[in-house]
N, C-alpha and C. Protein backbone atom coordinates (compact mmCIF):
# COMPACT_ATOMS: atom_id res chain seq x y z
N MET A 1 0.85 -1.16 0.00
CA MET A 1 0.00 0.00 0.00
C MET A 1 0.90 1.23 0.00
N LEU A 2 0.60 2.19 -0.85
CA LEU A 2 1.37 3.42 -0.92
C LEU A 2 0.96 4.33 0.21
N ASP A 3 1.93 4.75 1.02
CA ASP A 3 1.66 5.62 2.16
C ASP A 3 2.07 7.03 1.79
N ASP A 4 1.11 7.81 1.33
CA ASP A 4 1.40 9.18 0.94
C ASP A 4 0.11 9.99 1.06
N GLY A 5 0.24 11.23 1.38
CA GLY A 5 -0.92 12.08 1.58
C GLY A 5 -1.54 12.60 0.30
N GLN A 6 -1.04 12.18 -0.86
CA GLN A 6 -1.59 12.66 -2.12
C GLN A 6 -3.00 12.10 -2.31
N ARG A 7 -3.97 12.96 -2.32
CA ARG A 7 -5.36 12.51 -2.41
C ARG A 7 -5.70 11.88 -3.75
N GLN A 8 -5.01 12.28 -4.82
CA GLN A 8 -5.35 11.72 -6.12
C GLN A 8 -4.82 10.30 -6.30
N TRP A 9 -4.03 9.80 -5.36
CA TRP A 9 -3.52 8.45 -5.45
C TRP A 9 -4.52 7.50 -4.82
N MET A 10 -4.89 6.49 -5.55
CA MET A 10 -5.93 5.58 -5.11
C MET A 10 -5.41 4.58 -4.08
N SER A 11 -6.17 4.42 -3.02
CA SER A 11 -5.86 3.41 -2.00
C SER A 11 -6.54 2.10 -2.40
N TRP A 12 -6.12 1.02 -1.75
CA TRP A 12 -6.78 -0.26 -2.01
C TRP A 12 -8.25 -0.19 -1.62
N GLN A 13 -8.57 0.49 -0.54
CA GLN A 13 -9.96 0.60 -0.12
C GLN A 13 -10.79 1.30 -1.19
N ALA A 14 -10.24 2.37 -1.77
CA ALA A 14 -10.95 3.08 -2.83
C ALA A 14 -11.09 2.21 -4.07
N TRP A 15 -10.04 1.45 -4.41
CA TRP A 15 -10.10 0.58 -5.58
C TRP A 15 -11.18 -0.48 -5.40
N PHE A 16 -11.20 -1.12 -4.22
CA PHE A 16 -12.23 -2.12 -3.97
C PHE A 16 -13.62 -1.49 -4.04
N ALA A 17 -13.78 -0.30 -3.49
CA ALA A 17 -15.09 0.37 -3.53
C ALA A 17 -15.51 0.63 -4.97
N HIS A 18 -14.56 1.05 -5.84
CA HIS A 18 -14.87 1.25 -7.26
C HIS A 18 -15.32 -0.04 -7.93
N GLN A 19 -14.88 -1.17 -7.42
CA GLN A 19 -15.25 -2.47 -7.98
C GLN A 19 -16.50 -3.04 -7.31
N GLY A 20 -17.08 -2.30 -6.37
CA GLY A 20 -18.29 -2.75 -5.69
C GLY A 20 -18.03 -3.71 -4.55
N VAL A 21 -16.78 -3.79 -4.10
CA VAL A 21 -16.43 -4.66 -2.97
C VAL A 21 -16.25 -3.78 -1.74
N HIS A 22 -17.12 -3.93 -0.78
CA HIS A 22 -17.09 -3.05 0.39
C HIS A 22 -16.67 -3.74 1.67
N ASP A 23 -16.46 -5.04 1.62
CA ASP A 23 -16.08 -5.76 2.84
C ASP A 23 -14.68 -6.36 2.75
N ALA A 24 -13.84 -5.86 1.85
CA ALA A 24 -12.47 -6.37 1.72
C ALA A 24 -11.64 -5.90 2.91
N ASN A 25 -10.93 -6.82 3.50
CA ASN A 25 -10.09 -6.50 4.65
C ASN A 25 -8.83 -7.35 4.58
N PRO A 26 -7.80 -6.89 3.83
CA PRO A 26 -6.58 -7.69 3.72
C PRO A 26 -5.97 -7.99 5.08
N ARG A 27 -5.49 -9.21 5.24
CA ARG A 27 -4.89 -9.60 6.52
C ARG A 27 -3.49 -9.02 6.68
N THR A 28 -2.75 -8.99 5.59
CA THR A 28 -1.40 -8.44 5.67
C THR A 28 -1.17 -7.51 4.49
N PHE A 29 -0.36 -6.50 4.71
CA PHE A 29 0.01 -5.60 3.62
C PHE A 29 1.28 -4.87 4.00
N LEU A 30 1.97 -4.40 3.00
CA LEU A 30 3.20 -3.64 3.17
C LEU A 30 2.89 -2.19 2.83
N THR A 31 3.34 -1.29 3.66
CA THR A 31 3.14 0.13 3.42
C THR A 31 4.48 0.77 3.10
N SER A 32 4.50 1.58 2.05
CA SER A 32 5.72 2.26 1.64
C SER A 32 5.36 3.64 1.11
N ASN A 33 6.30 4.56 1.18
CA ASN A 33 6.06 5.87 0.58
C ASN A 33 6.88 6.04 -0.71
N GLN A 34 7.33 4.90 -1.26
CA GLN A 34 8.09 4.89 -2.51
C GLN A 34 7.41 3.95 -3.51
N TYR A 35 6.69 4.50 -4.46
CA TYR A 35 5.97 3.70 -5.43
C TYR A 35 6.89 2.75 -6.21
N PRO A 36 8.08 3.18 -6.66
CA PRO A 36 8.95 2.24 -7.36
C PRO A 36 9.32 1.01 -6.54
N ILE A 37 9.43 1.15 -5.24
CA ILE A 37 9.72 -0.01 -4.38
C ILE A 37 8.55 -0.98 -4.43
N LEU A 38 7.33 -0.49 -4.38
CA LEU A 38 6.16 -1.36 -4.45
C LEU A 38 6.11 -2.09 -5.79
N LEU A 39 6.42 -1.39 -6.89
CA LEU A 39 6.44 -2.06 -8.18
C LEU A 39 7.52 -3.13 -8.24
N GLN A 40 8.69 -2.84 -7.70
CA GLN A 40 9.77 -3.83 -7.70
C GLN A 40 9.39 -5.06 -6.89
N LEU A 41 8.73 -4.86 -5.77
CA LEU A 41 8.27 -6.00 -4.97
C LEU A 41 7.27 -6.84 -5.75
N ALA A 42 6.37 -6.19 -6.49
CA ALA A 42 5.41 -6.93 -7.32
C ALA A 42 6.14 -7.69 -8.41
N ILE A 43 7.14 -7.08 -9.05
CA ILE A 43 7.92 -7.75 -10.09
C ILE A 43 8.61 -8.98 -9.52
N GLU A 44 9.07 -8.89 -8.28
CA GLU A 44 9.75 -10.01 -7.64
C GLU A 44 8.79 -11.05 -7.07
N GLY A 45 7.49 -10.86 -7.29
CA GLY A 45 6.52 -11.84 -6.82
C GLY A 45 6.15 -11.72 -5.37
N GLN A 46 6.39 -10.58 -4.76
CA GLN A 46 6.14 -10.41 -3.33
C GLN A 46 4.74 -9.89 -3.02
N GLY A 47 3.92 -9.67 -4.03
CA GLY A 47 2.57 -9.18 -3.78
C GLY A 47 1.98 -8.54 -5.01
N ILE A 48 0.90 -7.82 -4.79
CA ILE A 48 0.15 -7.14 -5.84
C ILE A 48 0.21 -5.64 -5.56
N ALA A 49 0.35 -4.86 -6.62
CA ALA A 49 0.38 -3.40 -6.48
C ALA A 49 -0.64 -2.78 -7.42
N LEU A 50 -1.24 -1.69 -7.00
CA LEU A 50 -2.06 -0.91 -7.92
C LEU A 50 -1.12 -0.21 -8.88
N GLY A 51 -1.40 -0.29 -10.17
CA GLY A 51 -0.47 0.25 -11.15
C GLY A 51 -0.99 1.46 -11.88
N TRP A 52 -0.13 2.42 -12.08
CA TRP A 52 -0.43 3.58 -12.91
C TRP A 52 0.05 3.24 -14.31
N ARG A 53 -0.83 3.32 -15.29
CA ARG A 53 -0.51 2.87 -16.65
C ARG A 53 0.81 3.42 -17.16
N HIS A 54 1.05 4.69 -16.99
CA HIS A 54 2.28 5.28 -17.53
C HIS A 54 3.54 4.70 -16.87
N MET A 55 3.38 4.07 -15.72
CA MET A 55 4.54 3.50 -15.04
C MET A 55 4.65 1.99 -15.22
N ILE A 56 3.56 1.33 -15.59
CA ILE A 56 3.62 -0.13 -15.67
C ILE A 56 3.50 -0.69 -17.08
N ASP A 57 3.09 0.12 -18.05
CA ASP A 57 2.89 -0.40 -19.40
C ASP A 57 4.13 -1.11 -19.93
N GLY A 58 5.31 -0.54 -19.73
CA GLY A 58 6.55 -1.18 -20.18
C GLY A 58 6.78 -2.51 -19.49
N CYS A 59 6.51 -2.57 -18.19
CA CYS A 59 6.67 -3.83 -17.45
C CYS A 59 5.69 -4.89 -17.94
N LEU A 60 4.47 -4.46 -18.30
CA LEU A 60 3.49 -5.40 -18.84
C LEU A 60 3.96 -5.93 -20.20
N ARG A 61 4.45 -5.03 -21.06
CA ARG A 61 4.92 -5.44 -22.39
C ARG A 61 6.10 -6.41 -22.29
N GLN A 62 6.97 -6.18 -21.31
CA GLN A 62 8.16 -7.03 -21.15
C GLN A 62 7.86 -8.33 -20.40
N GLY A 63 6.65 -8.46 -19.89
CA GLY A 63 6.30 -9.66 -19.15
C GLY A 63 6.78 -9.66 -17.71
N LEU A 64 7.25 -8.50 -17.23
CA LEU A 64 7.69 -8.41 -15.84
C LEU A 64 6.52 -8.39 -14.87
N LEU A 65 5.40 -7.85 -15.33
CA LEU A 65 4.17 -7.80 -14.54
C LEU A 65 3.03 -8.33 -15.39
N VAL A 66 2.01 -8.84 -14.74
CA VAL A 66 0.77 -9.24 -15.42
C VAL A 66 -0.38 -8.59 -14.68
N ARG A 67 -1.46 -8.34 -15.40
CA ARG A 67 -2.65 -7.79 -14.76
C ARG A 67 -3.30 -8.87 -13.91
N ALA A 68 -3.66 -8.53 -12.69
CA ALA A 68 -4.34 -9.48 -11.81
C ALA A 68 -5.79 -9.67 -12.26
N CYS A 69 -6.36 -8.64 -12.89
CA CYS A 69 -7.72 -8.71 -13.43
C CYS A 69 -7.86 -7.60 -14.47
N GLU A 70 -8.95 -7.59 -15.18
CA GLU A 70 -9.17 -6.58 -16.22
C GLU A 70 -9.78 -5.30 -15.67
N ALA A 71 -10.20 -5.28 -14.43
CA ALA A 71 -10.83 -4.10 -13.84
C ALA A 71 -9.84 -2.96 -13.74
N SER A 72 -10.34 -1.75 -13.85
CA SER A 72 -9.53 -0.56 -13.65
C SER A 72 -10.40 0.51 -13.01
N ALA A 73 -9.78 1.55 -12.52
CA ALA A 73 -10.51 2.63 -11.87
C ALA A 73 -9.68 3.90 -11.92
N SER A 74 -10.35 5.02 -11.82
CA SER A 74 -9.69 6.32 -11.82
C SER A 74 -10.41 7.24 -10.86
N LEU A 75 -9.65 8.07 -10.22
CA LEU A 75 -10.25 9.08 -9.34
C LEU A 75 -10.56 10.36 -10.11
N GLY A 76 -10.21 10.38 -11.40
CA GLY A 76 -10.56 11.51 -12.25
C GLY A 76 -9.68 12.73 -12.08
N GLY A 77 -8.55 12.59 -11.44
CA GLY A 77 -7.66 13.73 -11.26
C GLY A 77 -7.00 14.14 -12.56
N GLY A 78 -6.32 15.24 -12.54
CA GLY A 78 -5.64 15.70 -13.73
C GLY A 78 -4.67 16.81 -13.43
N TYR A 79 -3.99 17.25 -14.46
CA TYR A 79 -3.04 18.35 -14.37
C TYR A 79 -3.51 19.47 -15.27
N TYR A 80 -3.16 20.69 -14.91
CA TYR A 80 -3.60 21.85 -15.66
C TYR A 80 -2.40 22.73 -15.97
N VAL A 81 -2.43 23.32 -17.16
CA VAL A 81 -1.41 24.29 -17.55
C VAL A 81 -2.04 25.67 -17.41
N ILE A 82 -1.44 26.49 -16.59
CA ILE A 82 -1.99 27.82 -16.37
C ILE A 82 -0.92 28.88 -16.58
N TRP A 83 -1.35 30.08 -16.90
CA TRP A 83 -0.45 31.22 -17.07
C TRP A 83 -1.23 32.47 -16.72
N PRO A 84 -0.64 33.43 -15.99
CA PRO A 84 -1.36 34.66 -15.63
C PRO A 84 -1.77 35.46 -16.87
N ARG A 85 -3.01 35.94 -16.89
CA ARG A 85 -3.51 36.70 -18.03
C ARG A 85 -2.77 38.02 -18.23
N ASP A 86 -2.26 38.57 -17.14
CA ASP A 86 -1.63 39.89 -17.25
C ASP A 86 -0.14 39.82 -17.57
N ARG A 87 0.37 38.63 -17.92
CA ARG A 87 1.79 38.47 -18.29
C ARG A 87 1.91 37.90 -19.68
N MET A 88 2.88 38.42 -20.42
CA MET A 88 3.12 37.90 -21.76
C MET A 88 3.71 36.49 -21.64
N GLU A 89 3.26 35.60 -22.50
CA GLU A 89 3.75 34.23 -22.48
C GLU A 89 4.98 34.13 -23.40
N PRO A 90 6.15 33.81 -22.84
CA PRO A 90 7.35 33.69 -23.68
C PRO A 90 7.20 32.55 -24.69
N ALA A 91 7.90 32.63 -25.79
CA ALA A 91 7.83 31.62 -26.84
C ALA A 91 8.20 30.24 -26.30
N ALA A 92 9.19 30.17 -25.42
CA ALA A 92 9.60 28.88 -24.86
C ALA A 92 8.48 28.26 -24.03
N ALA A 93 7.77 29.08 -23.24
CA ALA A 93 6.66 28.57 -22.44
C ALA A 93 5.52 28.11 -23.34
N ARG A 94 5.25 28.86 -24.40
CA ARG A 94 4.19 28.49 -25.34
C ARG A 94 4.55 27.16 -26.05
N ALA A 95 5.81 27.02 -26.46
CA ALA A 95 6.25 25.79 -27.12
C ALA A 95 6.13 24.60 -26.16
N PHE A 96 6.49 24.81 -24.90
CA PHE A 96 6.39 23.74 -23.91
C PHE A 96 4.93 23.37 -23.68
N ARG A 97 4.07 24.37 -23.54
CA ARG A 97 2.64 24.11 -23.34
C ARG A 97 2.08 23.32 -24.52
N ASN A 98 2.40 23.73 -25.73
CA ASN A 98 1.90 23.04 -26.92
C ASN A 98 2.40 21.59 -26.97
N TRP A 99 3.65 21.38 -26.58
CA TRP A 99 4.21 20.03 -26.54
C TRP A 99 3.45 19.17 -25.53
N MET A 100 3.18 19.74 -24.33
CA MET A 100 2.46 18.98 -23.31
C MET A 100 1.07 18.61 -23.80
N VAL A 101 0.40 19.52 -24.46
CA VAL A 101 -0.95 19.23 -24.97
C VAL A 101 -0.89 18.11 -26.00
N ARG A 102 0.10 18.14 -26.89
CA ARG A 102 0.25 17.07 -27.88
C ARG A 102 0.50 15.72 -27.19
N GLN A 103 1.34 15.72 -26.14
CA GLN A 103 1.62 14.48 -25.42
C GLN A 103 0.37 13.94 -24.75
N ALA A 104 -0.41 14.82 -24.17
CA ALA A 104 -1.63 14.39 -23.47
C ALA A 104 -2.66 13.83 -24.43
N THR A 105 -2.75 14.38 -25.63
CA THR A 105 -3.77 13.90 -26.56
C THR A 105 -3.37 12.60 -27.22
N THR A 106 -2.07 12.24 -27.20
CA THR A 106 -1.64 10.97 -27.79
C THR A 106 -1.54 9.87 -26.75
N ALA A 107 -1.67 10.20 -25.47
CA ALA A 107 -1.52 9.20 -24.40
C ALA A 107 -2.76 8.33 -24.31
């Protein structure tokens, strides 16, 4: 279980609730505040981890990880690009913003 105060990160309890399971109570679990450590433990066969697609897709393609089930869930969070209206946007910032938008639409 990832131990972090980031609200957009899904807990196991939230994942189970999204799947309609409200009485899940794991007997044992490991808590960490380092997501890569949890993924490495899952790769080594030490348990199951909730995976973020952008971080696990390569591991799935390489056969290092397998999906435990086809279910998925999202808390609907996101990132926003903002700039103050009263400031001129430099060309470099505009190019970076445009690049980010292109990346997001192809993901």
